[in-house]
PDB file of N, CA and C in Angstrom:
ATOM      1  N   UNK A   1      -1.560  31.864  14.538  1.00  0.00           N
ATOM      2  CA  UNK A   1      -1.117  30.761  13.730  1.00  0.00           C
ATOM      3  C   UNK A   1      -1.442  31.001  12.270  1.00  0.00           C
ATOM      4  N   UNK A   2      -0.493  30.769  11.420  1.00  0.00           N
ATOM      5  CA  UNK A   2      -0.715  30.925  10.000  1.00  0.00           C
ATOM      6  C   UNK A   2      -1.321  29.665   9.397  1.00  0.00           C
ATOM      7  N   UNK A   3      -1.862  29.815   8.231  1.00  0.00           N
ATOM      8  CA  UNK A   3      -2.407  28.639   7.559  1.00  0.00           C
ATOM      9  C   UNK A   3      -1.277  27.933   6.825  1.00  0.00           C
ATOM     10  N   UNK A   4      -1.460  26.687   6.618  1.00  0.00           N
ATOM     11  CA  UNK A   4      -0.446  25.898   5.938  1.00  0.00           C
ATOM     12  C   UNK A   4      -1.002  24.537   5.601  1.00  0.00           C
ATOM     13  N   UNK A   5      -0.146  23.649   5.236  1.00  0.00           N
ATOM     14  CA  UNK A   5      -0.559  22.294   4.909  1.00  0.00           C
ATOM     15  C   UNK A   5      -0.909  21.565   6.206  1.00  0.00           C
ATOM     16  N   UNK A   6      -2.095  21.037   6.267  1.00  0.00           N
ATOM     17  CA  UNK A   6      -2.498  20.261   7.431  1.00  0.00           C
ATOM     18  C   UNK A   6      -1.955  18.848   7.291  1.00  0.00           C
ATOM     19  N   UNK A   7      -1.272  18.417   8.313  1.00  0.00           N
ATOM     20  CA  UNK A   7      -0.717  17.063   8.299  1.00  0.00           C
ATOM     21  C   UNK A   7      -1.465  16.235   9.323  1.00  0.00           C
ATOM     22  N   UNK A   8      -2.207  15.291   8.829  1.00  0.00           N
ATOM     23  CA  UNK A   8      -3.001  14.435   9.684  1.00  0.00           C
ATOM     24  C   UNK A   8      -2.778  12.993   9.250  1.00  0.00           C
ATOM     25  N   UNK A   9      -1.582  12.461   9.499  1.00  0.00           N
ATOM     26  CA  UNK A   9      -1.306  11.115   9.006  1.00  0.00           C
ATOM     27  C   UNK A   9      -2.116  10.052   9.743  1.00  0.00           C
ATOM     28  N   UNK A  10      -2.474   9.032   8.998  1.00  0.00           N
ATOM     29  CA  UNK A  10      -3.147   7.871   9.549  1.00  0.00           C
ATOM     30  C   UNK A  10      -2.187   6.695   9.375  1.00  0.00           C
ATOM     31  N   UNK A  11      -1.855   6.029  10.471  1.00  0.00           N
ATOM     32  CA  UNK A  11      -0.971   4.871  10.406  1.00  0.00           C
ATOM     33  C   UNK A  11      -1.804   3.637  10.704  1.00  0.00           C
ATOM     34  N   UNK A  12      -1.677   2.655   9.839  1.00  0.00           N
ATOM     35  CA  UNK A  12      -2.482   1.445   9.948  1.00  0.00           C
ATOM     36  C   UNK A  12      -1.602   0.222   9.723  1.00  0.00           C
ATOM     37  N   UNK A  13      -1.751  -0.781  10.583  1.00  0.00           N
ATOM     38  CA  UNK A  13      -1.069  -2.058  10.376  1.00  0.00           C
ATOM     39  C   UNK A  13      -1.922  -2.898   9.431  1.00  0.00           C
ATOM     40  N   UNK A  14      -1.278  -3.508   8.438  1.00  0.00           N
ATOM     41  CA  UNK A  14      -1.986  -4.307   7.441  1.00  0.00           C
ATOM     42  C   UNK A  14      -1.327  -5.675   7.340  1.00  0.00           C
ATOM     43  N   UNK A  15      -2.131  -6.712   7.429  1.00  0.00           N
ATOM     44  CA  UNK A  15      -1.639  -8.078   7.252  1.00  0.00           C
ATOM     45  C   UNK A  15      -1.511  -8.356   5.756  1.00  0.00           C
ATOM     46  N   UNK A  16      -0.319  -8.746   5.330  1.00  0.00           N
ATOM     47  CA  UNK A  16      -0.052  -9.069   3.925  1.00  0.00           C
ATOM     48  C   UNK A  16       0.152 -10.575   3.826  1.00  0.00           C
ATOM     49  N   UNK A  17      -0.486 -11.177   2.827  1.00  0.00           N
ATOM     50  CA  UNK A  17      -0.276 -12.598   2.568  1.00  0.00           C
ATOM     51  C   UNK A  17       0.150 -12.769   1.116  1.00  0.00           C
ATOM     52  N   UNK A  18       0.342 -14.008   0.717  1.00  0.00           N
ATOM     53  CA  UNK A  18       0.712 -14.288  -0.672  1.00  0.00           C
ATOM     54  C   UNK A  18      -0.525 -14.561  -1.525  1.00  0.00           C
ATOM     55  N   UNK A  19      -1.711 -14.186  -1.019  1.00  0.00           N
ATOM     56  CA  UNK A  19      -2.961 -14.402  -1.736  1.00  0.00           C
ATOM     57  C   UNK A  19      -3.829 -13.147  -1.672  1.00  0.00           C
ATOM     58  N   UNK A  20      -4.361 -12.744  -2.784  1.00  0.00           N
ATOM     59  CA  UNK A  20      -5.256 -11.593  -2.835  1.00  0.00           C
ATOM     60  C   UNK A  20      -6.494 -11.826  -1.971  1.00  0.00           C
ATOM     61  N   UNK A  21      -6.906 -13.074  -1.829  1.00  0.00           N
ATOM     62  CA  UNK A  21      -8.118 -13.407  -1.069  1.00  0.00           C
ATOM     63  C   UNK A  21      -7.967 -13.164   0.431  1.00  0.00           C
ATOM     64  N   UNK A  22      -6.741 -13.128   0.938  1.00  0.00           N
ATOM     65  CA  UNK A  22      -6.549 -13.021   2.388  1.00  0.00           C
ATOM     66  C   UNK A  22      -5.721 -11.813   2.832  1.00  0.00           C
ATOM     67  N   UNK A  23      -5.325 -10.970   1.898  1.00  0.00           N
ATOM     68  CA  UNK A  23      -4.552  -9.769   2.222  1.00  0.00           C
ATOM     69  C   UNK A  23      -5.495  -8.648   2.646  1.00  0.00           C
ATOM     70  N   UNK A  24      -5.050  -7.807   3.575  1.00  0.00           N
ATOM     71  CA  UNK A  24      -5.867  -6.706   4.063  1.00  0.00           C
ATOM     72  C   UNK A  24      -5.962  -5.552   3.068  1.00  0.00           C
ATOM     73  N   UNK A  25      -7.115  -4.884   3.051  1.00  0.00           N
ATOM     74  CA  UNK A  25      -7.343  -3.746   2.155  1.00  0.00           C
ATOM     75  C   UNK A  25      -6.861  -2.446   2.800  1.00  0.00           C
ATOM     76  N   UNK A  26      -6.457  -1.510   1.959  1.00  0.00           N
ATOM     77  CA  UNK A  26      -5.995  -0.187   2.390  1.00  0.00           C
ATOM     78  C   UNK A  26      -6.922   0.855   1.759  1.00  0.00           C
ATOM     79  N   UNK A  27      -7.553   1.660   2.591  1.00  0.00           N
ATOM     80  CA  UNK A  27      -8.512   2.672   2.147  1.00  0.00           C
ATOM     81  C   UNK A  27      -7.794   3.997   1.886  1.00  0.00           C
ATOM     82  N   UNK A  28      -7.733   4.403   0.621  1.00  0.00           N
ATOM     83  CA  UNK A  28      -7.086   5.665   0.236  1.00  0.00           C
ATOM     84  C   UNK A  28      -8.092   6.764  -0.097  1.00  0.00           C
ATOM     85  N   UNK A  29      -9.378   6.526   0.098  1.00  0.00           N
ATOM     86  CA  UNK A  29     -10.397   7.470  -0.370  1.00  0.00           C
ATOM     87  C   UNK A  29     -10.236   8.876   0.182  1.00  0.00           C
ATOM     88  N   UNK A  30      -9.887   9.029   1.431  1.00  0.00           N
ATOM     89  CA  UNK A  30      -9.802  10.358   2.047  1.00  0.00           C
ATOM     90  C   UNK A  30      -8.352  10.788   2.264  1.00  0.00           C
ATOM     91  N   UNK A  31      -7.439  10.125   1.594  1.00  0.00           N
ATOM     92  CA  UNK A  31      -6.013  10.382   1.793  1.00  0.00           C
ATOM     93  C   UNK A  31      -5.347  10.703   0.471  1.00  0.00           C
ATOM     94  N   UNK A  32      -4.282  11.477   0.556  1.00  0.00           N
ATOM     95  CA  UNK A  32      -3.572  11.873  -0.652  1.00  0.00           C
ATOM     96  C   UNK A  32      -2.555  10.809  -1.069  1.00  0.00           C
ATOM     97  N   UNK A  33      -1.691  10.442  -0.156  1.00  0.00           N
ATOM     98  CA  UNK A  33      -0.679   9.429  -0.458  1.00  0.00           C
ATOM     99  C   UNK A  33       0.128   9.121   0.771  1.00  0.00           C
ATOM    100  N   UNK A  34       1.162   8.307   0.656  1.00  0.00           N
ATOM    101  CA  UNK A  34       1.912   7.986   1.846  1.00  0.00           C
ATOM    102  C   UNK A  34       3.063   7.035   1.621  1.00  0.00           C
ATOM    103  N   UNK A  35       3.337   6.274   2.676  1.00  0.00           N
ATOM    104  CA  UNK A  35       4.498   5.389   2.693  1.00  0.00           C
ATOM    105  C   UNK A  35       4.137   4.072   3.356  1.00  0.00           C
ATOM    106  N   UNK A  36       4.989   3.099   3.158  1.00  0.00           N
ATOM    107  CA  UNK A  36       4.805   1.779   3.752  1.00  0.00           C
ATOM    108  C   UNK A  36       6.116   1.365   4.423  1.00  0.00           C
ATOM    109  N   UNK A  37       5.995   0.762   5.597  1.00  0.00           N
ATOM    110  CA  UNK A  37       7.157   0.232   6.308  1.00  0.00           C
ATOM    111  C   UNK A  37       6.980  -1.272   6.473  1.00  0.00           C
ATOM    112  N   UNK A  38       8.021  -2.010   6.169  1.00  0.00           N
ATOM    113  CA  UNK A  38       8.021  -3.454   6.382  1.00  0.00           C
ATOM    114  C   UNK A  38       8.622  -3.678   7.762  1.00  0.00           C
ATOM    115  N   UNK A  39       7.882  -4.345   8.620  1.00  0.00           N
ATOM    116  CA  UNK A  39       8.312  -4.495  10.004  1.00  0.00           C
ATOM    117  C   UNK A  39       9.565  -5.362  10.121  1.00  0.00           C
ATOM    118  N   UNK A  40      10.394  -5.047  11.107  1.00  0.00           N
ATOM    119  CA  UNK A  40      11.613  -5.817  11.370  1.00  0.00           C
ATOM    120  C   UNK A  40      11.258  -7.276  11.602  1.00  0.00           C
ATOM    121  N   UNK A  41      12.062  -8.158  11.074  1.00  0.00           N
ATOM    122  CA  UNK A  41      11.829  -9.582  11.231  1.00  0.00           C
ATOM    123  C   UNK A  41      10.897 -10.181  10.190  1.00  0.00           C
ATOM    124  N   UNK A  42      10.327  -9.352   9.320  1.00  0.00           N
ATOM    125  CA  UNK A  42       9.407  -9.835   8.296  1.00  0.00           C
ATOM    126  C   UNK A  42      10.154 -10.644   7.239  1.00  0.00           C
ATOM    127  N   UNK A  43       9.465 -11.616   6.658  1.00  0.00           N
ATOM    128  CA  UNK A  43      10.020 -12.409   5.560  1.00  0.00           C
ATOM    129  C   UNK A  43       9.692 -11.821   4.194  1.00  0.00           C
ATOM    130  N   UNK A  44       8.924 -10.735   4.158  1.00  0.00           N
ATOM    131  CA  UNK A  44       8.528 -10.128   2.883  1.00  0.00           C
ATOM    132  C   UNK A  44       9.740  -9.581   2.129  1.00  0.00           C
ATOM    133  N   UNK A  45       9.818  -9.887   0.827  1.00  0.00           N
ATOM    134  CA  UNK A  45      10.853  -9.311  -0.025  1.00  0.00           C
ATOM    135  C   UNK A  45      10.265  -8.613  -1.245  1.00  0.00           C
ATOM    136  N   UNK A  46       8.948  -8.776  -1.470  1.00  0.00           N
ATOM    137  CA  UNK A  46       8.296  -8.046  -2.564  1.00  0.00           C
ATOM    138  C   UNK A  46       6.827  -7.825  -2.247  1.00  0.00           C
ATOM    139  N   UNK A  47       6.309  -6.713  -2.769  1.00  0.00           N
ATOM    140  CA  UNK A  47       4.889  -6.382  -2.674  1.00  0.00           C
ATOM    141  C   UNK A  47       4.397  -6.106  -4.088  1.00  0.00           C
ATOM    142  N   UNK A  48       3.323  -6.766  -4.484  1.00  0.00           N
ATOM    143  CA  UNK A  48       2.685  -6.521  -5.773  1.00  0.00           C
ATOM    144  C   UNK A  48       1.337  -5.885  -5.489  1.00  0.00           C
ATOM    145  N   UNK A  49       1.086  -4.727  -6.089  1.00  0.00           N
ATOM    146  CA  UNK A  49      -0.075  -3.914  -5.750  1.00  0.00           C
ATOM    147  C   UNK A  49      -1.267  -4.187  -6.646  1.00  0.00           C
ATOM    148  N   UNK A  50      -2.450  -4.235  -6.009  1.00  0.00           N
ATOM    149  CA  UNK A  50      -3.737  -4.422  -6.688  1.00  0.00           C
ATOM    150  C   UNK A  50      -4.678  -3.313  -6.241  1.00  0.00           C
ATOM    151  N   UNK A  51      -5.551  -2.866  -7.143  1.00  0.00           N
ATOM    152  CA  UNK A  51      -6.469  -1.786  -6.823  1.00  0.00           C
ATOM    153  C   UNK A  51      -7.912  -2.149  -7.099  1.00  0.00           C
ATOM    154  N   UNK A  52      -8.805  -1.449  -6.403  1.00  0.00           N
ATOM    155  CA  UNK A  52     -10.242  -1.628  -6.598  1.00  0.00           C
ATOM    156  C   UNK A  52     -10.914  -0.267  -6.564  1.00  0.00           C
ATOM    157  N   UNK A  53     -12.014  -0.150  -7.267  1.00  0.00           N
ATOM    158  CA  UNK A  53     -12.785   1.088  -7.282  1.00  0.00           C
ATOM    159  C   UNK A  53     -13.771   1.171  -6.119  1.00  0.00           C
ATOM    160  N   UNK A  54     -13.964   0.064  -5.377  1.00  0.00           N
ATOM    161  CA  UNK A  54     -14.928   0.083  -4.272  1.00  0.00           C
ATOM    162  C   UNK A  54     -14.508  -0.869  -3.159  1.00  0.00           C
ATOM    163  N   UNK A  55     -14.988  -0.592  -1.959  1.00  0.00           N
ATOM    164  CA  UNK A  55     -14.746  -1.439  -0.804  1.00  0.00           C
ATOM    165  C   UNK A  55     -15.396  -2.801  -1.060  1.00  0.00           C
ATOM    166  N   UNK A  56     -14.625  -3.854  -0.974  1.00  0.00           N
ATOM    167  CA  UNK A  56     -15.151  -5.191  -1.240  1.00  0.00           C
ATOM    168  C   UNK A  56     -15.324  -5.491  -2.711  1.00  0.00           C
ATOM    169  N   UNK A  57     -14.860  -4.585  -3.568  1.00  0.00           N
ATOM    170  CA  UNK A  57     -14.999  -4.783  -5.011  1.00  0.00           C
ATOM    171  C   UNK A  57     -13.932  -5.722  -5.562  1.00  0.00           C
ATOM    172  N   UNK A  58     -13.904  -5.832  -6.864  1.00  0.00           N
ATOM    173  CA  UNK A  58     -12.927  -6.677  -7.551  1.00  0.00           C
ATOM    174  C   UNK A  58     -11.583  -5.940  -7.574  1.00  0.00           C
ATOM    175  N   UNK A  59     -10.545  -6.608  -7.137  1.00  0.00           N
ATOM    176  CA  UNK A  59      -9.186  -6.054  -7.167  1.00  0.00           C
ATOM    177  C   UNK A  59      -8.472  -6.563  -8.413  1.00  0.00           C
ATOM    178  N   UNK A  60      -7.848  -5.628  -9.131  1.00  0.00           N
ATOM    179  CA  UNK A  60      -7.116  -5.965 -10.347  1.00  0.00           C
ATOM    180  C   UNK A  60      -5.652  -5.563 -10.172  1.00  0.00           C
ATOM    181  N   UNK A  61      -4.742  -6.212 -10.879  1.00  0.00           N
ATOM    182  CA  UNK A  61      -3.335  -5.824 -10.783  1.00  0.00           C
ATOM    183  C   UNK A  61      -3.137  -4.385 -11.261  1.00  0.00           C
ATOM    184  N   UNK A  62      -2.359  -3.602 -10.525  1.00  0.00           N
ATOM    185  CA  UNK A  62      -2.040  -2.229 -10.911  1.00  0.00           C
ATOM    186  C   UNK A  62      -0.838  -2.233 -11.858  1.00  0.00           C
ATOM    187  N   UNK A  63      -0.867  -1.326 -12.817  1.00  0.00           N
ATOM    188  CA  UNK A  63       0.222  -1.182 -13.787  1.00  0.00           C
ATOM    189  C   UNK A  63       0.642   0.274 -13.877  1.00  0.00           C
ATOM    190  N   UNK A  64       1.902   0.494 -14.228  1.00  0.00           N
ATOM    191  CA  UNK A  64       2.383   1.859 -14.426  1.00  0.00           C
ATOM    192  C   UNK A  64       2.095   2.299 -15.862  1.00  0.00           C
ATOM    193  N   UNK A  65       2.536   3.503 -16.218  1.00  0.00           N
ATOM    194  CA  UNK A  65       2.277   4.041 -17.555  1.00  0.00           C
ATOM    195  C   UNK A  65       2.853   3.179 -18.676  1.00  0.00           C
ATOM    196  N   UNK A  66       3.895   2.433 -18.385  1.00  0.00           N
ATOM    197  CA  UNK A  66       4.518   1.567 -19.384  1.00  0.00           C
ATOM    198  C   UNK A  66       3.900   0.187 -19.473  1.00  0.00           C
ATOM    199  N   UNK A  67       2.884  -0.075 -18.650  1.00  0.00           N
ATOM    200  CA  UNK A  67       2.214  -1.375 -18.677  1.00  0.00           C
ATOM    201  C   UNK A  67       2.829  -2.423 -17.772  1.00  0.00           C
ATOM    202  N   UNK A  68       3.828  -2.046 -16.992  1.00  0.00           N
ATOM    203  CA  UNK A  68       4.466  -3.001 -16.079  1.00  0.00           C
ATOM    204  C   UNK A  68       3.695  -3.088 -14.767  1.00  0.00           C
ATOM    205  N   UNK A  69       3.617  -4.285 -14.213  1.00  0.00           N
ATOM    206  CA  UNK A  69       2.964  -4.471 -12.918  1.00  0.00           C
ATOM    207  C   UNK A  69       3.680  -3.633 -11.862  1.00  0.00           C
ATOM    208  N   UNK A  70       2.898  -3.068 -10.939  1.00  0.00           N
ATOM    209  CA  UNK A  70       3.482  -2.253  -9.876  1.00  0.00           C
ATOM    210  C   UNK A  70       3.896  -3.194  -8.745  1.00  0.00           C
ATOM    211  N   UNK A  71       5.187  -3.477  -8.696  1.00  0.00           N
ATOM    212  CA  UNK A  71       5.777  -4.372  -7.709  1.00  0.00           C
ATOM    213  C   UNK A  71       6.957  -3.656  -7.072  1.00  0.00           C
ATOM    214  N   UNK A  72       7.080  -3.786  -5.760  1.00  0.00           N
ATOM    215  CA  UNK A  72       8.201  -3.181  -5.047  1.00  0.00           C
ATOM    216  C   UNK A  72       9.048  -4.270  -4.411  1.00  0.00           C
ATOM    217  N   UNK A  73      10.351  -4.156  -4.555  1.00  0.00           N
ATOM    218  CA  UNK A  73      11.288  -4.998  -3.808  1.00  0.00           C
ATOM    219  C   UNK A  73      11.434  -4.345  -2.445  1.00  0.00           C
ATOM    220  N   UNK A  74      11.226  -5.125  -1.376  1.00  0.00           N
ATOM    221  CA  UNK A  74      11.244  -4.577  -0.021  1.00  0.00           C
ATOM    222  C   UNK A  74      12.128  -5.436   0.880  1.00  0.00           C
ATOM    223  N   UNK A  75      12.431  -4.893   2.044  1.00  0.00           N
ATOM    224  CA  UNK A  75      13.230  -5.623   3.026  1.00  0.00           C
ATOM    225  C   UNK A  75      12.718  -5.289   4.421  1.00  0.00           C
ATOM    226  N   UNK A  76      12.876  -6.225   5.328  1.00  0.00           N
ATOM    227  CA  UNK A  76      12.446  -6.038   6.713  1.00  0.00           C
ATOM    228  C   UNK A  76      13.161  -4.844   7.332  1.00  0.00           C
ATOM    229  N   UNK A  77      12.398  -4.061   8.093  1.00  0.00           N
ATOM    230  CA  UNK A  77      12.973  -2.917   8.779  1.00  0.00           C
ATOM    231  C   UNK A  77      13.202  -1.701   7.900  1.00  0.00           C
ATOM    232  N   UNK A  78      12.652  -1.697   6.698  1.00  0.00           N
ATOM    233  CA  UNK A  78      12.846  -0.589   5.761  1.00  0.00           C
ATOM    234  C   UNK A  78      11.519   0.073   5.432  1.00  0.00           C
ATOM    235  N   UNK A  79      11.579   1.333   4.966  1.00  0.00           N
ATOM    236  CA  UNK A  79      10.389   2.079   4.584  1.00  0.00           C
ATOM    237  C   UNK A  79      10.467   2.544   3.145  1.00  0.00           C
ATOM    238  N   UNK A  80       9.306   2.693   2.508  1.00  0.00           N
ATOM    239  CA  UNK A  80       9.233   3.025   1.088  1.00  0.00           C
ATOM    240  C   UNK A  80       8.038   3.933   0.816  1.00  0.00           C
ATOM    241  N   UNK A  81       8.180   4.844  -0.126  1.00  0.00           N
ATOM    242  CA  UNK A  81       7.051   5.624  -0.596  1.00  0.00           C
ATOM    243  C   UNK A  81       6.144   4.710  -1.417  1.00  0.00           C
ATOM    244  N   UNK A  82       4.834   4.938  -1.333  1.00  0.00           N
ATOM    245  CA  UNK A  82       3.937   4.211  -2.220  1.00  0.00           C
ATOM    246  C   UNK A  82       4.222   4.656  -3.649  1.00  0.00           C
ATOM    247  N   UNK A  83       4.263   3.733  -4.603  1.00  0.00           N
ATOM    248  CA  UNK A  83       4.561   4.101  -5.992  1.00  0.00           C
ATOM    249  C   UNK A  83       3.530   5.082  -6.555  1.00  0.00           C
ATOM    250  N   UNK A  84       3.987   6.040  -7.325  1.00  0.00           N
ATOM    251  CA  UNK A  84       3.125   7.064  -7.915  1.00  0.00           C
ATOM    252  C   UNK A  84       2.010   6.448  -8.760  1.00  0.00           C
ATOM    253  N   UNK A  85       2.247   5.315  -9.381  1.00  0.00           N
ATOM    254  CA  UNK A  85       1.247   4.675 -10.236  1.00  0.00           C
ATOM    255  C   UNK A  85      -0.003   4.245  -9.455  1.00  0.00           C
ATOM    256  N   UNK A  86       0.065   4.248  -8.126  1.00  0.00           N
ATOM    257  CA  UNK A  86      -1.086   3.847  -7.300  1.00  0.00           C
ATOM    258  C   UNK A  86      -1.982   5.027  -6.930  1.00  0.00           C
ATOM    259  N   UNK A  87      -1.590   6.232  -7.286  1.00  0.00           N
ATOM    260  CA  UNK A  87      -2.252   7.442  -6.803  1.00  0.00           C
ATOM    261  C   UNK A  87      -3.741   7.527  -7.131  1.00  0.00           C
ATOM    262  N   UNK A  88      -4.211   6.944  -8.195  1.00  0.00           N
ATOM    263  CA  UNK A  88      -5.611   7.072  -8.580  1.00  0.00           C
ATOM    264  C   UNK A  88      -6.557   6.058  -7.972  1.00  0.00           C
ATOM    265  N   UNK A  89      -6.031   5.085  -7.248  1.00  0.00           N
ATOM    266  CA  UNK A  89      -6.879   4.010  -6.722  1.00  0.00           C
ATOM    267  C   UNK A  89      -7.459   4.370  -5.362  1.00  0.00           C
ATOM    268  N   UNK A  90      -8.783   4.201  -5.163  1.00  0.00           N
ATOM    269  CA  UNK A  90      -9.375   4.459  -3.853  1.00  0.00           C
ATOM    270  C   UNK A  90      -9.139   3.320  -2.850  1.00  0.00           C
ATOM    271  N   UNK A  91      -8.922   2.118  -3.329  1.00  0.00           N
ATOM    272  CA  UNK A  91      -8.672   0.952  -2.465  1.00  0.00           C
ATOM    273  C   UNK A  91      -7.479   0.184  -3.016  1.00  0.00           C
ATOM    274  N   UNK A  92      -6.585  -0.243  -2.125  1.00  0.00           N
ATOM    275  CA  UNK A  92      -5.393  -1.005  -2.516  1.00  0.00           C
ATOM    276  C   UNK A  92      -5.246  -2.265  -1.684  1.00  0.00           C
ATOM    277  N   UNK A  93      -4.574  -3.242  -2.252  1.00  0.00           N
ATOM    278  CA  UNK A  93      -4.096  -4.420  -1.532  1.00  0.00           C
ATOM    279  C   UNK A  93      -2.675  -4.691  -1.995  1.00  0.00           C
ATOM    280  N   UNK A  94      -1.834  -5.073  -1.050  1.00  0.00           N
ATOM    281  CA  UNK A  94      -0.461  -5.468  -1.361  1.00  0.00           C
ATOM    282  C   UNK A  94      -0.366  -6.976  -1.156  1.00  0.00           C
ATOM    283  N   UNK A  95      -0.024  -7.689  -2.209  1.00  0.00           N
ATOM    284  CA  UNK A  95       0.185  -9.131  -2.116  1.00  0.00           C
ATOM    285  C   UNK A  95       1.679  -9.363  -2.007  1.00  0.00           C
ATOM    286  N   UNK A  96       2.078 -10.126  -1.001  1.00  0.00           N
ATOM    287  CA  UNK A  96       3.497 -10.374  -0.779  1.00  0.00           C
ATOM    288  C   UNK A  96       3.949 -11.710  -1.307  1.00  0.00           C
ATOM    289  N   UNK A  97       5.240 -11.919  -1.246  1.00  0.00           N
ATOM    290  CA  UNK A  97       5.804 -13.221  -1.586  1.00  0.00           C
ATOM    291  C   UNK A  97       5.854 -14.120  -0.356  1.00  0.00           C
ATOM    292  N   UNK A  98       5.381 -13.612   0.767  1.00  0.00           N
ATOM    293  CA  UNK A  98       5.327 -14.346   2.036  1.00  0.00           C
ATOM    294  C   UNK A  98       4.247 -13.683   2.890  1.00  0.00           C
ATOM    295  N   UNK A  99       3.988 -14.255   4.032  1.00  0.00           N
ATOM    296  CA  UNK A  99       3.056 -13.653   4.988  1.00  0.00           C
ATOM    297  C   UNK A  99       3.840 -12.707   5.883  1.00  0.00           C
ATOM    298  N   UNK A 100       3.300 -11.530   6.123  1.00  0.00           N
ATOM    299  CA  UNK A 100       3.969 -10.553   6.975  1.00  0.00           C
ATOM    300  C   UNK A 100       3.055  -9.385   7.266  1.00  0.00           C
ATOM    301  N   UNK A 101       3.584  -8.442   8.005  1.00  0.00           N
ATOM    302  CA  UNK A 101       2.801  -7.251   8.334  1.00  0.00           C
ATOM    303  C   UNK A 101       3.547  -6.008   7.884  1.00  0.00           C
ATOM    304  N   UNK A 102       2.786  -5.066   7.342  1.00  0.00           N
ATOM    305  CA  UNK A 102       3.343  -3.775   6.988  1.00  0.00           C
ATOM    306  C   UNK A 102       2.586  -2.700   7.746  1.00  0.00           C
ATOM    307  N   UNK A 103       3.212  -1.555   7.907  1.00  0.00           N
ATOM    308  CA  UNK A 103       2.527  -0.380   8.430  1.00  0.00           C
ATOM    309  C   UNK A 103       2.434   0.612   7.283  1.00  0.00           C
ATOM    310  N   UNK A 104       1.228   1.158   7.111  1.00  0.00           N
ATOM    311  CA  UNK A 104       0.984   2.120   6.057  1.00  0.00           C
ATOM    312  C   UNK A 104       0.678   3.459   6.700  1.00  0.00           C
ATOM    313  N   UNK A 105       1.377   4.499   6.286  1.00  0.00           N
ATOM    314  CA  UNK A 105       1.131   5.849   6.759  1.00  0.00           C
ATOM    315  C   UNK A 105       0.577   6.645   5.599  1.00  0.00           C
ATOM    316  N   UNK A 106      -0.673   7.111   5.754  1.00  0.00           N
ATOM    317  CA  UNK A 106      -1.346   7.862   4.694  1.00  0.00           C
ATOM    318  C   UNK A 106      -1.588   9.281   5.173  1.00  0.00           C
ATOM    319  N   UNK A 107      -1.395  10.252   4.286  1.00  0.00           N
ATOM    320  CA  UNK A 107      -1.552  11.664   4.644  1.00  0.00           C
ATOM    321  C   UNK A 107      -2.816  12.229   4.031  1.00  0.00           C
ATOM    322  N   UNK A 108      -3.469  13.126   4.775  1.00  0.00           N
ATOM    323  CA  UNK A 108      -4.689  13.768   4.275  1.00  0.00           C
ATOM    324  C   UNK A 108      -4.352  14.824   3.258  1.00  0.00           C
TER     325      UNK A 108
END
């Protein structure tokens, strides 16, 4: 067997709410990046991303290089790459415009 890129994806279900206080955290510390899928039947139409430097720490709104909030328009039954502007955060939370569940696939 030759050496190559090791693919060890971690898939995690995350409960998303319309409040930062009740949305589930996503641990990116040991992962490079990944994708998010909005489950079929979900009422979610947008995700606004928040980041923290520590587990249980203060979450702040994430912004891209232009200063715009990192928000994704999403739809039930669809999948999306995590925005590049989130790459430096060790912990993330996605706040939705409704309550729903997403699946996050993170790669080592």
